[in-house]
Amino acid sequence: MKKKKPTKKSIKKPQSRLNVMHAWWNKRRLWQKILLVLLVIILVFFSSLYAMSVWYRLKHQNEPLRYGVTFSEPYARYYDLDPKDTLNDLMTDLNIKNIRLMSYWSDIEAERGTYDFSSLDWQFDMVEKNGGNVSLAIGLRQPRWPECHSPEWAKNQPIEVIYPELERFMGAVVQRYKDRPSLISYQLENEFFLDVFGRCPDHSRERLVKEYEFVKKLDPDTPIIVSLSNNYLGIPVGKPQPDQFGVSVYKRVYDANITKRYFEYPFTSWWYGGRAGWTELFTGKSSMLHELQAEPWAPMPIKEASIEEQSKSMDAERLRERIAYGEATGLRDIYLWGGEWWHWRKEKLNDPSLWSAVKEELAQ
């Protein structure tokens, strides 16, 4: 007998992939749908971040890798060090030629209307004597506690009252140093938007824009860096748009508020590379590491912490790892944070391990 050919009605058309997926989706519960959408968003976010980190690294890979260090004269004195010996040793023994210096308002204009630039002058002189470059912090908010370094006569006053005095001070700083051959950049208002840290009277974007425009008018030729904190998660598309963005990187800190324990930030090196990539894509500006953690973050002042306590967040091994981590971000300008501490451990505690670690890593 001949087999009957199937009629058109008896033939079942195979379902398309789209129909199968649609049917599968309709069977999912609401919480499953929400979870799947969230997973897709997370996957897309991290994939794009990683892709941007690769793009940023490739784009800048042929640029020289430049290491620098932050130097604060008052912080060196805190460790009972000779500031001149400390800065000189950082530049000659460690061969670090890029130095971030401070122009603390509290030190330069301790008496209203009287400027004393002697401290900052010798620092510039020493950098130039050793063939180095200066990235100068300017403004009210500058590195080291309490972040905003107001003179006594300007403290506890609203920003609108002290701003004219602050602007005059900033103008005096810029006019004094803008023609120094070692000056390569200004770092305006350290981590300005980090309002949870430091004792500062104002974090308004309007003031930052005003200061940026003021400094650019006085010195249009020197690049201005605006820095973002370790916790800044967005893309800095608002004003001001500086010549370069700075990013701080802290990996292990003591959480004094909630857990009362040491906390390790989970961010990978490509997290920061991706941030830099997205920032450059949207703003056209590159990024630099203005603070790479290379000193402890302890529950008490470092000078009062035992060596064991200091080592919980930073020791020679971790210091080597941090330097490698900084290079892995793909950012080409990296300023280390903690030079005074390395010198103190070497000179006062007879422990050169940290100093040697930096010297060996930077020599490679």
Protein backbone atom coordinates (compact mmCIF):
# COMPACT_ATOMS: atom_id res chain seq x y z
CA MET A 1 0.00 0.00 0.00
CA LYS A 2 1.16 3.49 -0.73
CA LYS A 3 1.70 5.74 2.25
CA LYS A 4 -0.62 8.65 2.38
CA LYS A 5 1.01 12.00 2.06
CA PRO A 6 0.39 14.18 5.06
CA THR A 7 -2.08 16.91 4.45
CA LYS A 8 -1.26 20.53 5.12
CA LYS A 9 -3.36 20.44 8.28
CA SER A 10 -1.42 17.50 9.69
CA ILE A 11 2.01 19.16 9.21
CA LYS A 12 3.20 21.00 12.33
CA LYS A 13 5.49 23.93 11.54
CA PRO A 14 8.58 24.11 13.74
CA GLN A 15 8.45 27.00 16.18
CA SER A 16 10.86 29.84 15.60
CA ARG A 17 13.49 30.58 18.22
CA LEU A 18 11.75 33.84 18.94
CA ASN A 19 8.47 32.08 19.65
CA VAL A 20 10.19 29.52 21.86
CA MET A 21 11.90 32.28 23.85
CA HIS A 22 8.62 34.19 24.12
CA ALA A 23 6.83 31.13 25.44
CA TRP A 24 9.66 30.42 27.90
CA TRP A 25 9.58 34.02 29.13
CA ASN A 26 5.81 33.96 29.65
CA LYS A 27 6.16 30.94 31.93
CA ARG A 28 8.59 32.75 34.25
CA ARG A 29 7.37 34.25 37.47
CA LEU A 30 7.71 37.99 38.08
CA TRP A 31 10.62 37.67 40.50
CA GLN A 32 12.44 35.45 38.00
CA LYS A 33 11.95 38.02 35.26
CA ILE A 34 13.26 40.80 37.49
CA LEU A 35 16.28 38.73 38.48
CA LEU A 36 17.09 37.86 34.86
CA VAL A 37 16.82 41.49 33.76
CA LEU A 38 19.14 42.53 36.58
CA LEU A 39 21.65 39.84 35.64
CA VAL A 40 21.63 40.98 32.00
CA ILE A 41 22.16 44.61 33.07
CA ILE A 42 25.06 43.62 35.34
CA LEU A 43 26.63 41.49 32.61
CA VAL A 44 26.36 44.28 30.04
CA PHE A 45 27.73 46.85 32.51
CA PHE A 46 30.82 44.89 33.50
CA SER A 47 31.46 43.68 29.96
CA SER A 48 31.39 47.24 28.65
CA LEU A 49 33.57 48.43 31.54
CA TYR A 50 36.15 45.76 30.79
CA ALA A 51 36.03 46.56 27.08
CA MET A 52 36.62 50.24 27.84
CA SER A 53 39.59 49.38 30.06
CA VAL A 54 41.15 47.42 27.18
CA TRP A 55 40.49 50.33 24.81
CA TYR A 56 42.02 52.85 27.22
CA ARG A 57 45.12 50.74 27.80
CA LEU A 58 45.69 50.22 24.07
CA LYS A 59 45.13 53.90 23.32
CA HIS A 60 47.73 55.06 25.86
CA GLN A 61 50.14 52.11 25.87
CA ASN A 62 52.90 53.96 24.00
CA GLU A 63 52.91 56.89 26.44
CA PRO A 64 55.68 56.90 29.07
CA LEU A 65 54.84 55.56 32.53
CA ARG A 66 55.50 58.40 34.97
CA TYR A 67 55.67 57.87 38.72
CA GLY A 68 55.33 60.65 41.24
CA VAL A 69 54.85 61.11 44.98
CA THR A 70 52.88 63.46 47.20
CA PHE A 71 54.96 65.52 49.64
CA SER A 72 53.58 67.52 52.57
CA GLU A 73 56.03 69.46 54.74
CA PRO A 74 53.73 69.50 57.83
CA TYR A 75 53.23 65.74 57.49
CA ALA A 76 56.98 65.16 57.40
CA ARG A 77 57.27 67.24 60.59
CA TYR A 78 54.50 65.11 62.14
CA TYR A 79 56.92 62.18 61.89
CA ASP A 80 59.73 64.29 63.43
CA LEU A 81 61.56 64.23 60.12
CA ASP A 82 63.59 66.96 58.50
CA PRO A 83 61.33 67.92 55.55
CA LYS A 84 64.28 68.95 53.37
CA ASP A 85 66.06 65.65 53.90
CA THR A 86 62.84 63.76 53.23
CA LEU A 87 62.06 65.49 49.93
CA ASN A 88 65.68 65.30 48.82
CA ASP A 89 65.87 61.56 49.56
CA LEU A 90 62.62 60.90 47.70
CA MET A 91 64.04 62.58 44.62
CA THR A 92 67.66 61.40 44.76
CA ASP A 93 67.63 57.97 46.40
CA LEU A 94 64.28 56.79 45.02
CA ASN A 95 64.73 58.84 41.84
CA ILE A 96 61.13 60.10 41.87
CA LYS A 97 61.10 63.26 39.78
CA ASN A 98 57.37 64.13 39.75
CA ILE A 99 56.33 65.73 43.04
CA ARG A 100 52.89 66.85 44.13
CA LEU A 101 53.29 69.84 46.46
CA MET A 102 50.76 71.65 48.63
CA SER A 103 49.96 75.37 48.93
CA TYR A 104 48.16 75.26 52.29
CA TRP A 105 46.23 78.48 52.92
CA SER A 106 46.63 77.96 56.67
CA ASP A 107 50.44 78.05 56.37
CA ILE A 108 50.95 80.70 53.73
CA GLU A 109 48.45 83.26 55.07
CA ALA A 110 48.40 82.49 58.79
CA GLU A 111 48.06 86.24 59.35
CA ARG A 112 45.38 87.84 57.24
CA GLY A 113 46.83 89.78 54.32
CA THR A 114 50.41 88.62 54.93
CA TYR A 115 51.78 85.89 52.67
CA ASP A 116 54.75 83.72 53.65
CA PHE A 117 55.89 81.62 50.69
CA SER A 118 59.24 80.61 52.17
CA SER A 119 58.28 76.96 52.74
CA LEU A 120 56.83 76.42 49.27
CA ASP A 121 59.72 78.34 47.71
CA TRP A 122 62.37 75.97 49.06
CA GLN A 123 60.31 72.98 47.92
CA PHE A 124 60.16 74.34 44.37
CA ASP A 125 63.87 75.15 44.54
CA MET A 126 64.74 71.60 45.62
CA VAL A 127 62.59 70.01 42.93
CA GLU A 128 64.24 72.14 40.28
CA LYS A 129 67.71 71.49 41.69
CA ASN A 130 67.06 67.75 41.30
CA GLY A 131 65.62 68.06 37.80
CA GLY A 132 62.01 67.37 38.80
CA ASN A 133 58.48 68.53 38.03
CA VAL A 134 55.79 69.97 40.29
CA SER A 135 52.07 69.28 40.25
CA LEU A 136 50.79 71.97 42.63
CA ALA A 137 47.67 71.51 44.75
CA ILE A 138 45.72 74.77 44.99
CA GLY A 139 42.48 75.92 46.59
CA LEU A 140 40.88 75.43 49.98
CA ARG A 141 40.76 71.63 49.93
CA GLN A 142 44.18 69.99 49.68
CA PRO A 143 45.65 66.61 50.69
CA ARG A 144 45.98 65.54 54.35
CA TRP A 145 43.58 66.04 57.21
CA PRO A 146 41.51 68.15 57.75
CA GLU A 147 41.41 68.41 53.94
CA CYS A 148 40.24 72.04 54.01
CA HIS A 149 43.17 74.03 55.38
CA SER A 150 41.65 77.34 56.41
CA PRO A 151 43.73 79.75 58.49
CA GLU A 152 42.42 80.36 62.01
CA TRP A 153 41.04 83.76 61.10
CA ALA A 154 38.88 82.25 58.33
CA LYS A 155 37.55 79.21 60.19
CA ASN A 156 33.87 78.68 61.06
CA GLN A 157 32.75 81.26 58.53
CA PRO A 158 30.36 80.55 55.64
CA ILE A 159 31.98 80.14 52.25
CA GLU A 160 30.34 83.26 50.82
CA VAL A 161 32.14 85.31 53.48
CA ILE A 162 35.60 83.80 53.03
CA TYR A 163 35.50 83.21 49.27
CA PRO A 164 36.81 86.66 48.27
CA GLU A 165 39.77 86.09 50.63
CA LEU A 166 40.29 82.58 49.23
CA GLU A 167 40.27 83.86 45.67
CA ARG A 168 42.85 86.54 46.49
CA PHE A 169 45.03 83.88 48.10
CA MET A 170 44.74 81.52 45.13
CA GLY A 171 45.59 84.39 42.80
CA ALA A 172 48.73 85.15 44.82
CA VAL A 173 49.81 81.48 44.62
CA VAL A 174 49.25 81.23 40.87
CA GLN A 175 51.01 84.53 40.15
CA ARG A 176 54.04 83.49 42.21
CA TYR A 177 54.58 80.05 40.68
CA LYS A 178 53.07 80.08 37.19
CA ASP A 179 56.43 80.90 35.57
CA ARG A 180 58.48 78.35 37.52
CA PRO A 181 60.08 75.96 34.98
CA SER A 182 59.21 72.91 37.12
CA LEU A 183 55.44 73.58 37.22
CA ILE A 184 53.61 71.10 34.99
CA SER A 185 50.04 71.21 36.41
CA TYR A 186 47.68 72.45 39.08
CA GLN A 187 45.50 70.07 41.10
CA LEU A 188 42.41 72.10 41.95
CA GLU A 189 40.49 71.35 45.17
CA ASN A 190 41.48 67.81 46.14
CA GLU A 191 38.55 65.36 45.75
CA PHE A 192 36.16 68.31 45.90
CA PHE A 193 32.91 66.32 45.85
CA LEU A 194 33.88 63.90 48.64
CA ASP A 195 31.66 65.56 51.24
CA VAL A 196 31.75 62.64 53.72
CA PHE A 197 35.45 63.15 54.49
CA GLY A 198 37.19 66.22 55.86
CA ARG A 199 36.09 69.43 57.51
CA CYS A 200 34.96 71.62 54.66
CA PRO A 201 32.32 74.36 54.50
CA ASP A 202 31.15 73.90 50.93
CA HIS A 203 31.04 71.38 48.08
CA SER A 204 29.04 73.34 45.51
CA ARG A 205 29.84 72.81 41.86
CA GLU A 206 29.37 76.54 41.26
CA ARG A 207 32.42 77.38 43.40
CA LEU A 208 34.57 74.77 41.67
CA VAL A 209 33.60 76.14 38.25
CA LYS A 210 34.31 79.67 39.40
CA GLU A 211 37.74 78.71 40.75
CA TYR A 212 38.59 76.78 37.59
CA GLU A 213 37.74 79.75 35.37
CA PHE A 214 39.65 82.10 37.69
CA VAL A 215 42.84 80.02 37.56
CA LYS A 216 42.58 79.49 33.79
CA LYS A 217 42.30 83.22 33.28
CA LEU A 218 45.43 83.86 35.34
CA ASP A 219 47.43 81.02 33.79
CA PRO A 220 45.91 79.62 30.59
CA ASP A 221 49.01 77.58 29.72
CA THR A 222 49.34 75.26 32.73
CA PRO A 223 47.02 72.20 32.72
CA ILE A 224 44.48 71.88 35.54
CA ILE A 225 43.61 68.51 37.10
CA VAL A 226 40.34 67.95 38.95
CA SER A 227 40.45 64.84 41.13
CA LEU A 228 37.76 62.29 41.93
CA SER A 229 37.72 60.09 45.00
CA ASN A 230 37.97 56.32 45.23
CA ASN A 231 34.19 56.27 45.82
CA TYR A 232 33.16 58.36 42.81
CA LEU A 233 31.11 56.04 40.59
CA GLY A 234 29.76 58.27 37.84
CA ILE A 235 31.18 59.82 34.68
CA PRO A 236 32.29 63.45 35.26
CA VAL A 237 30.43 65.09 32.40
CA GLY A 238 29.50 68.25 34.32
CA LYS A 239 31.48 71.47 34.54
CA PRO A 240 34.26 72.20 34.96
CA GLN A 241 35.91 70.13 32.27
CA PRO A 242 39.60 70.19 33.28
CA ASP A 243 42.61 69.28 31.18
CA GLN A 244 42.83 65.93 32.98
CA PHE A 245 40.94 64.02 35.65
CA GLY A 246 42.64 62.60 38.73
CA VAL A 247 41.49 59.40 40.43
CA SER A 248 42.42 58.13 43.89
CA VAL A 249 42.87 54.40 44.54
CA TYR A 250 42.64 52.98 48.06
CA LYS A 251 42.44 49.23 48.45
CA ARG A 252 42.55 48.39 52.17
CA VAL A 253 41.20 50.74 54.84
CA TYR A 254 39.85 50.57 58.37
CA ASP A 255 36.09 51.10 58.56
CA ALA A 256 35.63 53.09 61.77
CA ASN A 257 31.90 53.73 61.27
CA ILE A 258 30.06 50.43 60.70
CA THR A 259 32.03 47.19 60.82
CA LYS A 260 35.00 48.38 62.93
CA ARG A 261 37.16 46.15 60.76
CA TYR A 262 39.58 46.42 57.88
CA PHE A 263 37.83 46.54 54.54
CA GLU A 264 39.24 45.60 51.14
CA TYR A 265 37.69 47.45 48.22
CA PRO A 266 36.67 44.82 45.64
CA PHE A 267 37.49 46.95 42.60
CA THR A 268 39.79 45.30 40.07
CA SER A 269 42.47 47.25 38.20
CA TRP A 270 40.35 47.17 35.05
CA TRP A 271 37.53 48.83 37.01
CA TYR A 272 39.63 52.01 37.13
CA GLY A 273 40.82 51.51 33.56
CA GLY A 274 37.20 51.21 32.47
CA ARG A 275 36.26 54.37 34.37
CA ALA A 276 39.10 56.18 32.65
CA GLY A 277 37.93 54.83 29.30
CA TRP A 278 34.33 55.92 29.73
CA THR A 279 35.50 59.31 31.04
CA GLU A 280 37.67 59.88 27.97
CA LEU A 281 34.95 58.67 25.62
CA PHE A 282 32.43 61.18 27.00
CA THR A 283 34.75 64.10 27.82
CA GLY A 284 37.82 63.65 25.63
CA LYS A 285 40.00 63.91 28.76
CA SER A 286 42.49 61.34 30.01
CA SER A 287 42.90 60.31 33.66
CA MET A 288 45.79 59.99 36.10
CA LEU A 289 46.22 58.38 39.53
CA HIS A 290 46.70 61.34 41.82
CA GLU A 291 46.76 59.14 44.94
CA LEU A 292 47.69 55.47 44.92
CA GLN A 293 47.53 54.16 48.49
CA ALA A 294 51.04 53.29 49.64
CA GLU A 295 50.66 53.88 53.39
CA PRO A 296 48.42 52.35 56.10
CA TRP A 297 44.86 53.34 56.90
CA ALA A 298 44.67 52.42 60.58
CA PRO A 299 42.07 52.98 63.34
CA MET A 300 44.43 55.47 65.00
CA PRO A 301 47.05 57.96 63.75
CA ILE A 302 49.81 56.02 62.00
CA LYS A 303 52.50 57.33 64.32
CA GLU A 304 50.59 55.83 67.26
CA ALA A 305 49.96 52.47 65.57
CA SER A 306 52.19 49.48 66.21
CA ILE A 307 54.14 47.99 63.32
CA GLU A 308 51.78 45.02 63.46
CA GLU A 309 48.77 47.32 63.18
CA GLN A 310 50.30 49.26 60.30
CA SER A 311 51.02 46.03 58.47
CA LYS A 312 47.35 45.05 58.52
CA SER A 313 46.71 47.55 55.74
CA MET A 314 50.18 48.20 54.31
CA ASP A 315 53.57 46.49 54.45
CA ALA A 316 56.37 45.94 51.95
CA GLU A 317 54.62 43.07 50.20
CA ARG A 318 51.33 44.95 49.87
CA LEU A 319 53.24 48.00 48.70
CA ARG A 320 54.74 46.02 45.84
CA GLU A 321 51.30 44.69 44.97
CA ARG A 322 49.83 48.21 44.97
CA ILE A 323 52.44 49.46 42.54
CA ALA A 324 51.74 46.53 40.21
CA TYR A 325 48.00 47.19 40.62
CA GLY A 326 48.47 50.85 39.69
CA GLU A 327 50.33 49.93 36.50
CA ALA A 328 47.63 47.38 35.63
CA THR A 329 44.95 50.11 35.52
CA GLY A 330 46.49 51.43 32.31
CA LEU A 331 46.74 54.99 33.66
CA ARG A 332 50.16 56.39 32.82
CA ASP A 333 50.68 59.04 35.51
CA ILE A 334 50.77 57.46 38.98
CA TYR A 335 51.43 59.45 42.16
CA LEU A 336 52.15 57.37 45.26
CA TRP A 337 50.72 58.35 48.63
CA GLY A 338 52.92 57.79 51.68
CA GLY A 339 56.47 58.95 50.97
CA GLU A 340 56.84 60.58 54.38
CA TRP A 341 55.81 57.34 56.06
CA TRP A 342 58.37 55.22 54.18
CA HIS A 343 61.07 57.72 55.20
CA TRP A 344 59.95 57.67 58.85
CA ARG A 345 60.06 53.89 58.99
CA LYS A 346 63.56 53.93 57.51
CA GLU A 347 65.04 56.85 59.46
CA LYS A 348 63.29 56.63 62.83
CA LEU A 349 62.35 52.94 63.18
CA ASN A 350 65.36 51.48 61.34
CA ASP A 351 63.06 49.61 58.94
CA PRO A 352 64.03 50.21 55.30
CA SER A 353 61.73 47.49 53.92
CA LEU A 354 59.13 49.90 52.52
CA TRP A 355 61.71 52.29 51.12
CA SER A 356 63.55 49.41 49.46
CA ALA A 357 60.32 48.00 48.02
CA VAL A 358 59.51 51.30 46.31
CA LYS A 359 63.08 51.73 45.10
CA GLU A 360 63.19 48.25 43.58
CA GLU A 361 59.75 48.41 41.97
CA LEU A 362 60.25 51.82 40.40
CA ALA A 363 63.68 50.83 39.07
CA GLN A 364 62.23 48.01 36.97
